[in-house]
């Protein structure tokens, strides 16, 4: 909020010597930012799951957690993609039948 207020105050100070009246714009910018924050600050949780339950999250771009987790690929990429698309996250069976 302070950045919006600072930006509109700066713009207002730059226009002091001109014929443009910007006093109302300064307060309007602060009010708009305040309303936006008030409307988004009290958003309740939108997902309730029990601990250990699977959750699928789709994002618009790849997320890189390599700096946080040391993960390595343990199966071919096409298998990973197939499991993600089909929702087949159960571990592969290691049982061998004869």
N, C-alpha and C. Protein backbone atom coordinates (compact mmCIF):
# COMPACT_ATOMS: atom_id res chain seq x y z
N UNK A 1 0.82 -1.20 0.00
CA UNK A 1 0.00 0.00 0.00
C UNK A 1 0.85 1.25 0.00
N UNK A 2 1.95 1.21 0.71
CA UNK A 2 2.79 2.40 0.79
C UNK A 2 3.41 2.73 -0.56
N UNK A 3 3.69 1.71 -1.37
CA UNK A 3 4.26 1.97 -2.69
C UNK A 3 3.26 2.69 -3.57
N UNK A 4 1.99 2.26 -3.52
CA UNK A 4 0.96 2.94 -4.31
C UNK A 4 0.82 4.37 -3.84
N UNK A 5 0.80 4.57 -2.53
CA UNK A 5 0.69 5.93 -1.99
C UNK A 5 1.89 6.78 -2.38
N UNK A 6 3.08 6.20 -2.30
CA UNK A 6 4.29 6.93 -2.68
C UNK A 6 4.28 7.30 -4.16
N UNK A 7 3.85 6.36 -4.99
CA UNK A 7 3.83 6.62 -6.43
C UNK A 7 2.86 7.74 -6.78
N UNK A 8 1.67 7.69 -6.20
CA UNK A 8 0.70 8.75 -6.51
C UNK A 8 1.11 10.08 -5.90
N UNK A 9 1.75 10.06 -4.74
CA UNK A 9 2.25 11.30 -4.15
C UNK A 9 3.36 11.90 -5.01
N UNK A 10 4.23 11.04 -5.52
CA UNK A 10 5.30 11.53 -6.39
C UNK A 10 4.72 12.14 -7.66
N UNK A 11 3.76 11.43 -8.27
CA UNK A 11 3.13 11.97 -9.48
C UNK A 11 2.47 13.30 -9.19
N UNK A 12 1.82 13.40 -8.05
CA UNK A 12 1.16 14.65 -7.67
C UNK A 12 2.18 15.77 -7.51
N UNK A 13 3.33 15.47 -6.88
CA UNK A 13 4.35 16.51 -6.68
C UNK A 13 4.96 16.95 -8.00
N UNK A 14 5.05 16.04 -8.96
CA UNK A 14 5.59 16.40 -10.27
C UNK A 14 4.62 17.29 -11.05
N UNK A 15 3.35 17.17 -10.74
CA UNK A 15 2.34 17.95 -11.46
C UNK A 15 1.97 19.24 -10.75
N UNK A 16 2.61 19.56 -9.63
CA UNK A 16 2.27 20.76 -8.85
C UNK A 16 2.38 22.03 -9.68
N UNK A 17 3.42 22.14 -10.50
CA UNK A 17 3.65 23.36 -11.26
C UNK A 17 2.85 23.42 -12.55
N UNK A 18 2.20 22.33 -12.91
CA UNK A 18 1.43 22.33 -14.16
C UNK A 18 -0.02 22.71 -13.88
N UNK A 19 -0.80 22.75 -14.92
CA UNK A 19 -2.21 23.12 -14.80
C UNK A 19 -3.10 21.92 -14.47
N UNK A 20 -2.50 20.76 -14.24
CA UNK A 20 -3.27 19.54 -13.96
C UNK A 20 -3.50 19.42 -12.46
N UNK A 21 -4.73 19.14 -12.08
CA UNK A 21 -5.10 18.96 -10.67
C UNK A 21 -5.07 17.46 -10.37
N UNK A 22 -4.21 17.03 -9.43
CA UNK A 22 -4.04 15.60 -9.16
C UNK A 22 -4.22 15.25 -7.69
N UNK A 23 -4.75 16.15 -6.88
CA UNK A 23 -4.92 15.86 -5.45
C UNK A 23 -5.86 14.68 -5.22
N UNK A 24 -6.95 14.62 -5.94
CA UNK A 24 -7.91 13.52 -5.77
C UNK A 24 -7.32 12.19 -6.25
N UNK A 25 -6.45 12.26 -7.25
CA UNK A 25 -5.84 11.04 -7.78
C UNK A 25 -4.96 10.38 -6.73
N UNK A 26 -4.28 11.17 -5.93
CA UNK A 26 -3.41 10.62 -4.89
C UNK A 26 -4.21 9.78 -3.91
N UNK A 27 -5.30 10.29 -3.42
CA UNK A 27 -6.10 9.53 -2.45
C UNK A 27 -6.84 8.38 -3.12
N UNK A 28 -7.22 8.54 -4.39
CA UNK A 28 -7.92 7.47 -5.09
C UNK A 28 -7.02 6.25 -5.27
N UNK A 29 -5.74 6.49 -5.55
CA UNK A 29 -4.81 5.37 -5.70
C UNK A 29 -4.67 4.58 -4.42
N UNK A 30 -4.56 5.28 -3.30
CA UNK A 30 -4.47 4.61 -2.00
C UNK A 30 -5.75 3.84 -1.69
N UNK A 31 -6.89 4.46 -1.98
CA UNK A 31 -8.17 3.80 -1.70
C UNK A 31 -8.33 2.53 -2.53
N UNK A 32 -7.94 2.60 -3.80
CA UNK A 32 -8.06 1.42 -4.67
C UNK A 32 -7.19 0.28 -4.16
N UNK A 33 -5.97 0.60 -3.76
CA UNK A 33 -5.08 -0.43 -3.24
C UNK A 33 -5.61 -1.00 -1.93
N UNK A 34 -6.14 -0.15 -1.07
CA UNK A 34 -6.69 -0.60 0.20
C UNK A 34 -7.86 -1.55 -0.01
N UNK A 35 -8.74 -1.22 -0.93
CA UNK A 35 -9.89 -2.08 -1.23
C UNK A 35 -9.42 -3.42 -1.77
N UNK A 36 -8.44 -3.41 -2.67
CA UNK A 36 -7.94 -4.66 -3.24
C UNK A 36 -7.35 -5.56 -2.17
N UNK A 37 -6.60 -5.00 -1.24
CA UNK A 37 -6.00 -5.81 -0.17
C UNK A 37 -7.08 -6.32 0.78
N UNK A 38 -8.04 -5.48 1.13
CA UNK A 38 -9.11 -5.90 2.05
C UNK A 38 -9.91 -7.06 1.47
N UNK A 39 -10.13 -7.04 0.16
CA UNK A 39 -10.94 -8.09 -0.45
C UNK A 39 -10.18 -9.41 -0.58
N UNK A 40 -8.86 -9.35 -0.61
CA UNK A 40 -8.10 -10.59 -0.79
C UNK A 40 -7.47 -11.11 0.49
N UNK A 41 -7.48 -10.34 1.55
CA UNK A 41 -6.77 -10.74 2.77
C UNK A 41 -7.55 -11.79 3.57
N UNK A 42 -8.85 -11.82 3.47
CA UNK A 42 -9.66 -12.73 4.27
C UNK A 42 -10.20 -13.91 3.46
N UNK A 43 -9.46 -14.34 2.46
CA UNK A 43 -9.90 -15.48 1.67
C UNK A 43 -9.74 -16.74 2.52
N UNK A 44 -10.82 -17.49 2.73
CA UNK A 44 -10.71 -18.70 3.55
C UNK A 44 -9.97 -19.80 2.78
N UNK A 45 -9.50 -20.82 3.47
CA UNK A 45 -8.84 -21.93 2.77
C UNK A 45 -9.79 -22.53 1.74
N UNK A 46 -9.26 -22.84 0.58
CA UNK A 46 -10.11 -23.37 -0.48
C UNK A 46 -9.90 -24.86 -0.69
N UNK A 47 -9.01 -25.46 0.09
CA UNK A 47 -8.74 -26.88 -0.05
C UNK A 47 -8.61 -27.50 1.33
N UNK A 48 -9.39 -28.50 1.58
CA UNK A 48 -9.29 -29.23 2.85
C UNK A 48 -9.00 -30.69 2.53
N UNK A 49 -7.85 -31.17 2.98
CA UNK A 49 -7.46 -32.56 2.76
C UNK A 49 -6.86 -33.09 4.05
N UNK A 50 -7.01 -34.39 4.26
CA UNK A 50 -6.38 -35.03 5.41
C UNK A 50 -4.89 -35.21 5.12
N UNK A 51 -4.11 -35.22 6.18
CA UNK A 51 -2.67 -35.40 6.04
C UNK A 51 -2.39 -36.71 5.31
N UNK A 52 -1.55 -36.65 4.31
CA UNK A 52 -1.18 -37.84 3.56
C UNK A 52 -2.02 -38.08 2.32
N UNK A 53 -3.14 -37.36 2.17
CA UNK A 53 -3.95 -37.52 0.98
C UNK A 53 -3.25 -36.91 -0.22
N UNK A 54 -3.51 -37.48 -1.39
CA UNK A 54 -2.92 -36.95 -2.61
C UNK A 54 -3.63 -35.68 -3.05
N UNK A 55 -2.87 -34.76 -3.57
CA UNK A 55 -3.40 -33.50 -4.09
C UNK A 55 -2.76 -33.27 -5.44
N UNK A 56 -3.56 -32.99 -6.46
CA UNK A 56 -3.02 -32.65 -7.78
C UNK A 56 -3.10 -31.14 -7.95
N UNK A 57 -1.98 -30.56 -8.29
CA UNK A 57 -1.92 -29.12 -8.51
C UNK A 57 -1.36 -28.88 -9.91
N UNK A 58 -2.10 -28.16 -10.72
CA UNK A 58 -1.65 -27.85 -12.07
C UNK A 58 -1.24 -26.39 -12.12
N UNK A 59 -0.06 -26.13 -12.64
CA UNK A 59 0.47 -24.77 -12.72
C UNK A 59 0.77 -24.44 -14.18
N UNK A 60 0.87 -23.15 -14.46
CA UNK A 60 1.08 -22.70 -15.83
C UNK A 60 2.52 -22.85 -16.30
N UNK A 61 3.44 -23.08 -15.39
CA UNK A 61 4.85 -23.24 -15.78
C UNK A 61 5.52 -24.23 -14.84
N UNK A 62 6.68 -24.70 -15.25
CA UNK A 62 7.42 -25.65 -14.42
C UNK A 62 7.93 -24.96 -13.16
N UNK A 63 7.90 -25.69 -12.07
CA UNK A 63 8.45 -25.19 -10.81
C UNK A 63 9.75 -25.94 -10.52
N UNK A 64 10.79 -25.22 -10.18
CA UNK A 64 12.10 -25.82 -9.95
C UNK A 64 12.41 -25.80 -8.46
N UNK A 65 12.37 -26.97 -7.83
CA UNK A 65 12.67 -27.09 -6.41
C UNK A 65 14.07 -27.68 -6.19
N UNK A 66 14.90 -27.66 -7.21
CA UNK A 66 16.21 -28.31 -7.10
C UNK A 66 17.10 -27.67 -6.04
N UNK A 67 16.88 -26.40 -5.74
CA UNK A 67 17.69 -25.76 -4.71
C UNK A 67 17.23 -26.16 -3.30
N UNK A 68 16.04 -26.72 -3.19
CA UNK A 68 15.49 -27.10 -1.90
C UNK A 68 15.60 -28.60 -1.66
N UNK A 69 15.23 -29.38 -2.68
CA UNK A 69 15.23 -30.83 -2.55
C UNK A 69 16.26 -31.43 -3.50
N UNK A 70 16.90 -32.46 -3.05
CA UNK A 70 17.82 -33.18 -3.94
C UNK A 70 17.06 -34.39 -4.48
N UNK A 71 16.40 -34.19 -5.60
CA UNK A 71 15.60 -35.24 -6.22
C UNK A 71 16.32 -35.77 -7.45
N UNK A 72 16.07 -37.02 -7.75
CA UNK A 72 16.61 -37.57 -8.98
C UNK A 72 15.50 -38.35 -9.67
N UNK A 73 15.54 -38.38 -10.98
CA UNK A 73 14.54 -39.09 -11.76
C UNK A 73 14.82 -40.58 -11.62
N UNK A 74 13.80 -41.35 -11.27
CA UNK A 74 13.99 -42.78 -11.04
C UNK A 74 13.28 -43.64 -12.08
N UNK A 75 12.64 -43.01 -13.05
CA UNK A 75 11.98 -43.76 -14.11
C UNK A 75 11.93 -42.89 -15.36
N UNK A 76 11.63 -43.48 -16.50
CA UNK A 76 11.60 -42.71 -17.75
C UNK A 76 10.56 -41.58 -17.69
N UNK A 77 10.89 -40.46 -18.35
CA UNK A 77 9.99 -39.31 -18.33
C UNK A 77 8.60 -39.63 -18.87
N UNK A 78 8.51 -40.44 -19.92
CA UNK A 78 7.19 -40.74 -20.48
C UNK A 78 6.32 -41.46 -19.46
N UNK A 79 6.90 -42.28 -18.62
CA UNK A 79 6.14 -42.97 -17.55
C UNK A 79 5.66 -41.95 -16.51
N UNK A 80 6.52 -40.98 -16.19
CA UNK A 80 6.14 -39.95 -15.23
C UNK A 80 4.96 -39.15 -15.76
N UNK A 81 5.05 -38.74 -17.04
CA UNK A 81 3.97 -37.96 -17.65
C UNK A 81 2.67 -38.77 -17.69
N UNK A 82 2.78 -40.06 -18.06
CA UNK A 82 1.58 -40.90 -18.12
C UNK A 82 0.92 -41.01 -16.76
N UNK A 83 1.72 -41.21 -15.72
CA UNK A 83 1.15 -41.31 -14.38
C UNK A 83 0.49 -40.01 -13.97
N UNK A 84 1.09 -38.88 -14.32
CA UNK A 84 0.53 -37.58 -13.95
C UNK A 84 -0.80 -37.35 -14.65
N UNK A 85 -0.87 -37.68 -15.92
CA UNK A 85 -2.10 -37.47 -16.68
C UNK A 85 -3.20 -38.41 -16.21
N UNK A 86 -2.87 -39.65 -15.96
CA UNK A 86 -3.87 -40.64 -15.56
C UNK A 86 -4.19 -40.61 -14.07
N UNK A 87 -3.38 -39.93 -13.29
CA UNK A 87 -3.60 -39.89 -11.85
C UNK A 87 -3.20 -41.18 -11.18
N UNK A 88 -2.34 -41.95 -11.82
CA UNK A 88 -1.89 -43.25 -11.30
C UNK A 88 -0.64 -43.04 -10.46
N UNK A 89 -0.81 -42.71 -9.18
CA UNK A 89 0.32 -42.42 -8.33
C UNK A 89 0.65 -43.55 -7.36
N UNK A 90 0.00 -44.69 -7.54
CA UNK A 90 0.29 -45.84 -6.69
C UNK A 90 1.68 -46.37 -7.05
N UNK A 91 2.42 -46.83 -6.07
CA UNK A 91 3.75 -47.37 -6.38
C UNK A 91 3.63 -48.59 -7.28
N UNK A 92 4.58 -48.73 -8.17
CA UNK A 92 4.57 -49.88 -9.07
C UNK A 92 4.75 -51.15 -8.25
N UNK A 93 4.01 -52.17 -8.61
CA UNK A 93 4.08 -53.43 -7.89
C UNK A 93 5.43 -54.10 -8.13
N UNK A 94 6.00 -54.63 -7.07
CA UNK A 94 7.27 -55.36 -7.18
C UNK A 94 7.04 -56.87 -7.10
N UNK A 95 5.77 -57.28 -7.07
CA UNK A 95 5.45 -58.71 -6.99
C UNK A 95 5.72 -59.38 -8.32
N UNK A 96 6.28 -60.55 -8.25
CA UNK A 96 6.55 -61.32 -9.46
C UNK A 96 5.75 -62.61 -9.35
N UNK A 97 4.95 -62.88 -10.35
CA UNK A 97 4.17 -64.13 -10.34
C UNK A 97 4.85 -65.13 -11.26
N UNK A 98 4.78 -66.41 -10.89
CA UNK A 98 5.41 -67.46 -11.70
C UNK A 98 4.38 -68.41 -12.21
